[in-house]
Amino acid sequence: MLRLLAGEAARRFGERAAVFSGPVPLSFAELDRLSDEVAAGLAHRGCRIGDLVILALPDGPEFVICYVAAAKIGAVTAGVGARRAELPAALDPAIVVTAPGVLPPLTGIDVVTLPLDRRPREPHSYDPDRLGGLRRAEPPPPPFPPDPGRPVVITFTSGRTGPPKGVLFGERQLEAIRAHGAGLRWGTGEARLVPHPLGRLGFATRLPVFLQMGRTCHVLPEWTPEAALEVLRRHRIGVLQGSPYQLSRLLALGADLPDLELVLCGGAPAAPDLIRGLRERYGVPVCNRYTCTEAGLGLGTAPGDPPEDAEESVGRPRGGVDVSVRDVEGRILPAGEQGEVLLRSRAVMSGYVGDIPRRPAFAKDGFIRTGDRGYIDHIGRLHLVGRVPA
């Protein structure tokens, strides 16, 4: 899927920026061309369909290029970023792509260190030499037959409630997320500031949506409220998204965002005061979103919903998503009764990789256990009240 989408996005959007990191844009055309060259380089180093490619890279264009390149040869990407040096040892990669100073020496593993510390040849254009010897100026291997069950990416949980877990998504799940986020539309996506690491769910599984929508993704090497504010203002970005922690820090700056049209809050429960404060400060709708990494898709309030919906709840299921609240015996609870929240859609994970949690992730009917506790009210909104005891 990513191979086809990257090629079509290059044809449709050409020199439009796909990834903007600092002053340097990477266009859709460059993303497709350079990922072709890196795909050829990965294949030359022996990577094959189903092999694992670990990206121990800081967030930036190289991460996106290598992710698309791995998908073009049918390899599986695990984006661990530049701060989880212990994770590659728990997996079995065919190759690790990293940057200077990120990882300790690794034995018995093919490690490619990209020269990301080199000075750019031109200050405002992407320097392909940052990809080092991983590029080969030749076509990538030919396309392979479609397979909905083929694994594509491993993304990691945040670690908010325990050690990060590796969560596997394949073509089937990415197609469900693409269909939900883009449908048949091409080129209608506005620019966004990506608030979370690129290896996390919000980018790793939604890259097909971004390619189809022609969305420019602004990426910060490290998120700070000051850096986020500067990007939002300079590029006149109309949608602000982030976790409650990130949004509260931005709100505390007290700065104006005159081009803002919408705020999306997700990633953790948000206090009603924060939702009200954002709406009053910026004068735009504030939507509350909820999912867990394993579920892929979840629930949310809509811009046209009554304001109290986002203050009191995380909204209703999004298209194609089922929600269920159950007791400790797995029985479905009626509206108003508290229990564990379970989600089901075509986007739920294939399974875990690496260390497997002791508690089963799936119910017998395909619902995924979130570990969150909540209830559904009389008008179908989900309210979160805490975590289920381990």
Protein backbone atom coordinates (compact mmCIF):
# COMPACT_ATOMS: atom_id res chain seq x y z
CA MET A 1 0.00 0.00 0.00
CA LEU A 2 2.65 2.56 0.99
CA ARG A 3 4.55 1.90 -2.24
CA LEU A 4 1.50 2.70 -4.39
CA LEU A 5 0.43 5.68 -2.28
CA ALA A 6 3.92 7.21 -2.25
CA GLY A 7 4.12 6.97 -6.03
CA GLU A 8 0.67 8.43 -6.59
CA ALA A 9 1.30 11.21 -4.05
CA ALA A 10 4.51 12.10 -5.89
CA ARG A 11 2.59 12.28 -9.17
CA ARG A 12 -0.23 14.38 -7.74
CA PHE A 13 1.60 16.66 -5.31
CA GLY A 14 5.15 16.81 -6.71
CA GLU A 15 7.13 19.55 -5.00
CA ARG A 16 4.62 20.13 -2.20
CA ALA A 17 6.31 19.52 1.14
CA ALA A 18 5.54 16.11 2.63
CA VAL A 19 7.75 16.54 5.69
CA PHE A 20 8.92 19.85 7.10
CA SER A 21 11.65 19.62 9.73
CA GLY A 22 13.08 22.98 10.76
CA PRO A 23 13.74 25.08 7.67
CA VAL A 24 14.18 22.06 5.39
CA PRO A 25 11.24 20.60 3.44
CA LEU A 26 11.13 17.15 1.87
CA SER A 27 8.74 17.08 -1.07
CA PHE A 28 6.40 14.24 -2.02
CA ALA A 29 8.46 13.74 -5.17
CA GLU A 30 11.69 13.52 -3.17
CA LEU A 31 10.10 11.14 -0.67
CA ASP A 32 9.13 8.71 -3.43
CA ARG A 33 12.44 8.97 -5.30
CA LEU A 34 14.70 8.72 -2.25
CA SER A 35 12.68 5.90 -0.70
CA ASP A 36 13.12 4.02 -3.99
CA GLU A 37 16.88 4.44 -3.66
CA VAL A 38 16.90 3.42 0.01
CA ALA A 39 14.68 0.42 -0.81
CA ALA A 40 17.27 -0.64 -3.37
CA GLY A 41 19.97 -0.16 -0.73
CA LEU A 42 18.10 -2.25 1.83
CA ALA A 43 17.57 -5.02 -0.69
CA HIS A 44 21.26 -4.88 -1.64
CA ARG A 45 22.12 -5.45 2.05
CA GLY A 46 19.95 -8.56 2.10
CA CYS A 47 16.62 -7.28 3.46
CA ARG A 48 13.69 -9.33 2.20
CA ILE A 49 9.93 -9.53 2.61
CA GLY A 50 9.07 -9.95 6.29
CA ASP A 51 12.48 -8.87 7.62
CA LEU A 52 12.57 -6.35 10.46
CA VAL A 53 14.11 -2.91 9.95
CA ILE A 54 14.65 -0.95 13.17
CA LEU A 55 14.79 2.84 12.87
CA ALA A 56 16.68 4.21 15.86
CA LEU A 57 16.50 7.71 14.39
CA PRO A 58 15.50 11.14 15.62
CA ASP A 59 12.22 12.37 14.22
CA GLY A 60 12.74 13.90 10.80
CA PRO A 61 12.63 13.19 7.06
CA GLU A 62 15.07 10.26 7.24
CA PHE A 63 12.64 8.34 9.44
CA VAL A 64 9.85 8.77 6.87
CA ILE A 65 12.09 7.93 3.89
CA CYS A 66 13.35 4.73 5.53
CA TYR A 67 9.86 3.69 6.65
CA VAL A 68 8.46 4.02 3.12
CA ALA A 69 11.57 2.31 1.71
CA ALA A 70 11.15 -0.69 4.00
CA ALA A 71 7.48 -0.97 3.01
CA LYS A 72 8.46 -0.93 -0.67
CA ILE A 73 10.40 -4.18 -0.22
CA GLY A 74 7.86 -5.77 2.13
CA ALA A 75 10.00 -5.37 5.25
CA VAL A 76 8.56 -4.52 8.66
CA THR A 77 9.53 -1.21 10.29
CA ALA A 78 9.94 -0.70 14.03
CA GLY A 79 10.52 2.94 14.88
CA VAL A 80 12.18 3.18 18.28
CA GLY A 81 13.34 6.78 17.97
CA ALA A 82 16.60 8.00 19.41
CA ARG A 83 15.90 7.42 23.12
CA ARG A 84 15.14 3.70 23.44
CA ALA A 85 18.56 2.18 22.94
CA GLU A 86 17.54 -0.95 24.88
CA LEU A 87 14.71 -1.99 22.54
CA PRO A 88 16.61 -3.28 19.47
CA ALA A 89 18.21 -6.05 21.55
CA ALA A 90 14.74 -7.45 22.38
CA LEU A 91 13.85 -7.83 18.70
CA ASP A 92 15.51 -9.66 15.81
CA PRO A 93 16.29 -7.07 13.14
CA ALA A 94 17.82 -7.70 9.76
CA ILE A 95 19.20 -4.16 9.90
CA VAL A 96 19.26 -1.19 12.25
CA VAL A 97 19.34 2.33 10.81
CA THR A 98 20.52 4.93 13.29
CA ALA A 99 22.30 8.26 13.75
CA PRO A 100 25.64 9.14 15.33
CA GLY A 101 25.74 8.70 19.10
CA VAL A 102 22.31 7.09 19.47
CA LEU A 103 23.13 3.42 20.10
CA PRO A 104 25.87 1.61 21.96
CA PRO A 105 27.92 -0.83 19.89
CA LEU A 106 25.80 -3.76 18.69
CA THR A 107 27.38 -7.08 17.77
CA GLY A 108 26.00 -9.52 15.26
CA ILE A 109 23.61 -6.96 13.74
CA ASP A 110 23.92 -4.99 10.51
CA VAL A 111 23.94 -1.35 11.65
CA VAL A 112 23.89 1.60 9.26
CA THR A 113 24.68 4.99 10.79
CA LEU A 114 23.38 7.87 8.71
CA PRO A 115 25.54 11.03 8.60
CA LEU A 116 22.80 13.29 9.97
CA ASP A 117 25.39 15.62 11.52
CA ARG A 118 26.76 16.69 8.13
CA ARG A 119 26.28 20.27 7.05
CA PRO A 120 23.62 20.75 4.35
CA ARG A 121 24.81 21.65 0.87
CA GLU A 122 21.99 24.18 0.60
CA PRO A 123 20.37 25.64 3.73
CA HIS A 124 16.73 25.35 2.60
CA SER A 125 16.64 22.11 0.61
CA TYR A 126 16.91 18.49 1.67
CA ASP A 127 20.40 17.00 1.34
CA PRO A 128 20.15 13.38 0.08
CA ASP A 129 23.69 12.75 1.31
CA ARG A 130 22.23 12.57 4.83
CA LEU A 131 21.11 9.07 3.83
CA GLY A 132 24.73 8.05 3.37
CA GLY A 133 25.57 4.75 1.74
CA LEU A 134 22.07 3.40 2.30
CA ARG A 135 21.03 4.88 -1.07
CA ARG A 136 21.59 3.07 -4.33
CA ALA A 137 20.85 4.87 -7.59
CA GLU A 138 18.87 2.02 -9.09
CA PRO A 139 15.23 0.89 -9.10
CA PRO A 140 13.91 -0.94 -6.05
CA PRO A 141 12.90 -4.59 -6.31
CA PRO A 142 9.70 -5.18 -8.32
CA PRO A 143 6.32 -4.93 -6.56
CA PHE A 144 5.08 -8.01 -4.75
CA PRO A 145 1.57 -9.50 -4.78
CA PRO A 146 -0.94 -7.88 -2.41
CA ASP A 147 -1.42 -9.62 0.93
CA PRO A 148 -3.80 -8.11 3.53
CA GLY A 149 -2.09 -10.14 6.25
CA ARG A 150 1.42 -8.88 5.50
CA PRO A 151 2.95 -7.10 8.54
CA VAL A 152 4.06 -3.52 7.92
CA VAL A 153 4.95 -1.69 11.12
CA ILE A 154 5.57 -2.22 14.82
CA THR A 155 4.65 0.74 16.96
CA PHE A 156 5.18 1.01 20.69
CA THR A 157 2.84 1.93 23.49
CA SER A 158 3.73 5.06 25.42
CA GLY A 159 4.78 3.25 28.58
CA ARG A 160 2.37 5.40 30.60
CA THR A 161 1.02 2.33 32.42
CA GLY A 162 4.00 -0.03 32.20
CA PRO A 163 6.97 -0.93 29.99
CA PRO A 164 6.38 -0.07 26.30
CA LYS A 165 4.92 -2.95 24.30
CA GLY A 166 5.52 -3.61 20.62
CA VAL A 167 2.23 -3.63 18.67
CA LEU A 168 2.10 -5.08 15.16
CA PHE A 169 -0.03 -3.65 12.34
CA GLY A 170 -0.32 -5.06 8.83
CA GLU A 171 -1.74 -4.12 5.46
CA ARG A 172 -5.30 -4.91 6.57
CA GLN A 173 -5.18 -2.54 9.54
CA LEU A 174 -3.46 0.25 7.62
CA GLU A 175 -6.07 -0.05 4.89
CA ALA A 176 -8.85 0.29 7.46
CA ILE A 177 -7.22 3.38 8.93
CA ARG A 178 -6.65 4.85 5.46
CA ALA A 179 -10.25 4.24 4.44
CA HIS A 180 -11.50 5.82 7.65
CA GLY A 181 -9.24 8.87 7.45
CA ALA A 182 -9.20 9.56 3.71
CA GLY A 183 -11.82 7.44 1.95
CA LEU A 184 -11.84 8.33 -1.74
CA ARG A 185 -10.53 11.85 -1.24
CA TRP A 186 -7.17 13.00 -2.58
CA GLY A 187 -5.31 16.18 -1.73
CA THR A 188 -7.67 17.79 0.79
CA GLY A 189 -5.45 17.55 3.85
CA GLU A 190 -4.31 20.67 5.65
CA ALA A 191 -0.83 20.92 7.18
CA ARG A 192 -0.37 19.55 10.70
CA LEU A 193 2.24 19.72 13.41
CA VAL A 194 2.94 16.12 14.47
CA PRO A 195 2.83 16.18 18.29
CA HIS A 196 4.19 12.70 19.04
CA PRO A 197 7.25 10.65 18.00
CA LEU A 198 6.98 9.31 14.45
CA GLY A 199 7.26 5.71 15.63
CA ARG A 200 4.05 6.03 17.64
CA LEU A 201 0.53 5.15 16.52
CA GLY A 202 -0.50 8.65 15.39
CA PHE A 203 2.07 8.75 12.58
CA ALA A 204 3.19 5.17 12.00
CA THR A 205 -0.29 3.87 11.15
CA ARG A 206 -1.63 7.06 9.56
CA LEU A 207 1.09 7.70 7.02
CA PRO A 208 -1.19 6.25 4.28
CA VAL A 209 -3.76 8.94 5.15
CA PHE A 210 -1.14 11.70 5.04
CA LEU A 211 0.11 10.53 1.63
CA GLN A 212 -3.35 10.34 0.12
CA MET A 213 -4.44 13.67 1.57
CA GLY A 214 -1.25 15.43 0.47
CA ARG A 215 -0.73 16.59 4.04
CA THR A 216 2.43 18.44 5.02
CA CYS A 217 3.66 17.04 8.32
CA HIS A 218 5.70 19.48 10.40
CA VAL A 219 8.09 17.53 12.62
CA LEU A 220 10.00 18.79 15.63
CA PRO A 221 13.23 17.02 16.65
CA GLU A 222 12.01 17.58 20.23
CA TRP A 223 8.58 18.89 21.19
CA THR A 224 8.53 21.97 23.42
CA PRO A 225 5.64 24.42 23.76
CA GLU A 226 7.82 27.25 22.48
CA ALA A 227 8.93 25.30 19.40
CA ALA A 228 5.37 24.14 18.71
CA LEU A 229 4.04 27.68 19.00
CA GLU A 230 6.67 28.98 16.57
CA VAL A 231 5.75 26.38 13.93
CA LEU A 232 2.01 26.88 14.37
CA ARG A 233 2.38 30.63 13.90
CA ARG A 234 4.96 30.66 11.13
CA HIS A 235 3.10 28.18 8.97
CA ARG A 236 -0.38 29.38 9.94
CA ILE A 237 -1.50 25.87 10.88
CA GLY A 238 -5.22 25.68 11.51
CA VAL A 239 -5.42 22.47 13.59
CA LEU A 240 -3.68 22.09 16.94
CA GLN A 241 -3.39 18.54 18.25
CA GLY A 242 -1.65 17.08 21.24
CA SER A 243 -1.93 15.36 24.59
CA PRO A 244 -3.50 17.12 27.57
CA TYR A 245 0.00 17.75 28.93
CA GLN A 246 1.17 19.35 25.67
CA LEU A 247 -1.97 21.44 25.26
CA SER A 248 -1.84 22.64 28.86
CA ARG A 249 1.75 23.80 28.38
CA LEU A 250 0.81 25.66 25.19
CA LEU A 251 -2.17 27.21 26.93
CA ALA A 252 0.07 28.37 29.78
CA LEU A 253 2.11 30.46 27.33
CA GLY A 254 -0.93 32.70 26.85
CA ALA A 255 -0.03 33.33 23.21
CA ASP A 256 -2.49 34.02 20.41
CA LEU A 257 -2.98 31.62 17.50
CA PRO A 258 -5.03 33.71 15.08
CA ASP A 259 -5.14 31.05 12.33
CA LEU A 260 -6.39 28.28 14.59
CA GLU A 261 -9.68 26.61 13.62
CA LEU A 262 -9.76 23.41 15.68
CA VAL A 263 -8.10 21.75 18.69
CA LEU A 264 -7.78 17.96 18.95
CA CYS A 265 -6.96 16.53 22.38
CA GLY A 266 -6.01 12.89 22.83
CA GLY A 267 -3.54 10.41 24.25
CA ALA A 268 -4.70 10.63 27.87
CA PRO A 269 -7.78 11.71 29.82
CA ALA A 270 -8.30 15.48 29.73
CA ALA A 271 -9.68 17.52 32.63
CA PRO A 272 -12.86 19.50 31.90
CA ASP A 273 -11.07 22.71 32.91
CA LEU A 274 -8.47 22.16 30.19
CA ILE A 275 -11.11 21.62 27.49
CA ARG A 276 -12.97 24.76 28.59
CA GLY A 277 -9.77 26.75 28.86
CA LEU A 278 -8.68 25.85 25.33
CA ARG A 279 -12.08 26.71 23.89
CA GLU A 280 -12.26 30.04 25.69
CA ARG A 281 -8.65 31.01 24.94
CA TYR A 282 -8.69 30.27 21.22
CA GLY A 283 -12.39 30.61 20.43
CA VAL A 284 -12.53 27.39 18.37
CA PRO A 285 -14.12 23.94 18.83
CA VAL A 286 -12.17 21.50 20.99
CA CYS A 287 -12.56 17.78 20.27
CA ASN A 288 -11.68 15.04 22.72
CA ARG A 289 -10.30 11.85 21.15
CA TYR A 290 -9.71 8.42 22.68
CA THR A 291 -8.11 5.16 21.60
CA CYS A 292 -5.35 2.85 22.73
CA THR A 293 -2.37 1.84 20.64
CA GLU A 294 -3.64 -1.71 20.22
CA ALA A 295 -7.04 -0.57 18.88
CA GLY A 296 -5.83 1.58 15.97
CA LEU A 297 -9.10 3.56 15.87
CA GLY A 298 -11.33 4.74 18.68
CA LEU A 299 -13.85 7.35 19.74
CA GLY A 300 -14.14 11.12 19.73
CA THR A 301 -16.31 14.16 19.89
CA ALA A 302 -17.03 16.15 16.73
CA PRO A 303 -16.60 19.92 16.18
CA GLY A 304 -20.37 20.35 15.97
CA ASP A 305 -21.16 18.48 19.19
CA PRO A 306 -22.36 20.40 22.26
CA PRO A 307 -19.32 21.82 24.10
CA GLU A 308 -20.06 19.77 27.22
CA ASP A 309 -19.53 16.52 25.28
CA ALA A 310 -15.76 17.09 25.13
CA GLU A 311 -15.68 18.30 28.75
CA GLU A 312 -17.56 15.32 30.16
CA SER A 313 -16.70 12.44 27.81
CA VAL A 314 -14.49 11.13 25.03
CA GLY A 315 -17.42 11.03 22.65
CA ARG A 316 -18.96 8.27 20.58
CA PRO A 317 -17.44 5.53 18.41
CA ARG A 318 -16.05 6.67 15.08
CA GLY A 319 -17.14 5.01 11.85
CA GLY A 320 -16.53 1.27 11.87
CA VAL A 321 -15.64 1.15 15.59
CA ASP A 322 -17.60 -0.81 18.20
CA VAL A 323 -17.28 -0.07 21.93
CA SER A 324 -18.28 -2.35 24.78
CA VAL A 325 -18.09 -2.03 28.57
CA ARG A 326 -17.75 -5.34 30.44
CA ASP A 327 -17.34 -6.69 33.95
CA VAL A 328 -14.49 -8.87 35.19
CA GLU A 329 -16.29 -11.97 33.90
CA GLY A 330 -16.59 -10.50 30.40
CA ARG A 331 -20.32 -9.79 30.59
CA ILE A 332 -21.57 -6.74 28.68
CA LEU A 333 -22.80 -4.03 31.05
CA PRO A 334 -25.79 -1.76 30.44
CA ALA A 335 -25.56 2.01 30.07
CA GLY A 336 -24.42 3.76 33.22
CA GLU A 337 -22.56 0.81 34.77
CA GLN A 338 -18.78 0.97 35.06
CA GLY A 339 -16.45 -1.69 33.71
CA GLU A 340 -13.51 -2.25 31.38
CA VAL A 341 -13.66 -0.51 28.00
CA LEU A 342 -13.17 -2.74 24.95
CA LEU A 343 -12.88 -1.65 21.32
CA ARG A 344 -13.28 -3.49 18.03
CA SER A 345 -12.73 -2.49 14.40
CA ARG A 346 -10.84 -3.66 11.33
CA ALA A 347 -7.90 -1.59 12.60
CA VAL A 348 -7.14 -3.53 15.80
CA MET A 349 -3.60 -4.85 15.99
CA SER A 350 -2.42 -8.19 14.69
CA GLY A 351 -0.79 -8.86 18.07
CA TYR A 352 2.16 -8.07 20.28
CA VAL A 353 5.83 -8.69 19.51
CA GLY A 354 8.65 -9.25 21.95
CA ASP A 355 7.60 -9.58 25.58
CA ILE A 356 3.94 -10.68 25.68
CA PRO A 357 1.71 -9.25 28.44
CA ARG A 358 0.39 -11.83 30.89
CA ARG A 359 -3.19 -10.63 30.48
CA PRO A 360 -4.88 -11.65 27.18
CA ALA A 361 -5.35 -8.68 24.88
CA PHE A 362 -8.36 -9.98 22.93
CA ALA A 363 -11.78 -11.08 24.04
CA LYS A 364 -13.24 -14.11 22.25
CA ASP A 365 -15.38 -11.92 19.96
CA GLY A 366 -12.44 -9.87 18.67
CA PHE A 367 -12.73 -6.88 20.99
CA ILE A 368 -9.44 -5.50 22.30
CA ARG A 369 -9.08 -4.87 26.02
CA THR A 370 -7.92 -1.29 26.66
CA GLY A 371 -7.24 -1.56 30.39
CA ASP A 372 -9.30 1.61 30.88
CA ARG A 373 -12.38 1.73 33.10
CA GLY A 374 -15.47 3.67 32.08
CA TYR A 375 -19.16 3.66 31.28
CA ILE A 376 -21.48 4.56 28.41
CA ASP A 377 -24.16 7.11 29.23
CA HIS A 378 -27.78 7.19 28.07
CA ILE A 379 -26.89 9.06 24.85
CA GLY A 380 -24.00 6.83 23.81
CA ARG A 381 -21.03 8.84 25.07
CA LEU A 382 -18.10 7.06 26.72
CA HIS A 383 -16.87 8.40 30.07
CA LEU A 384 -13.49 7.32 31.43
CA VAL A 385 -13.07 6.92 35.19
CA GLY A 386 -9.66 5.30 35.64
CA ARG A 387 -7.71 2.13 35.00
CA VAL A 388 -8.65 -1.50 35.53
CA PRO A 389 -6.54 -3.09 38.32
CA ALA A 390 -3.70 -5.18 36.90
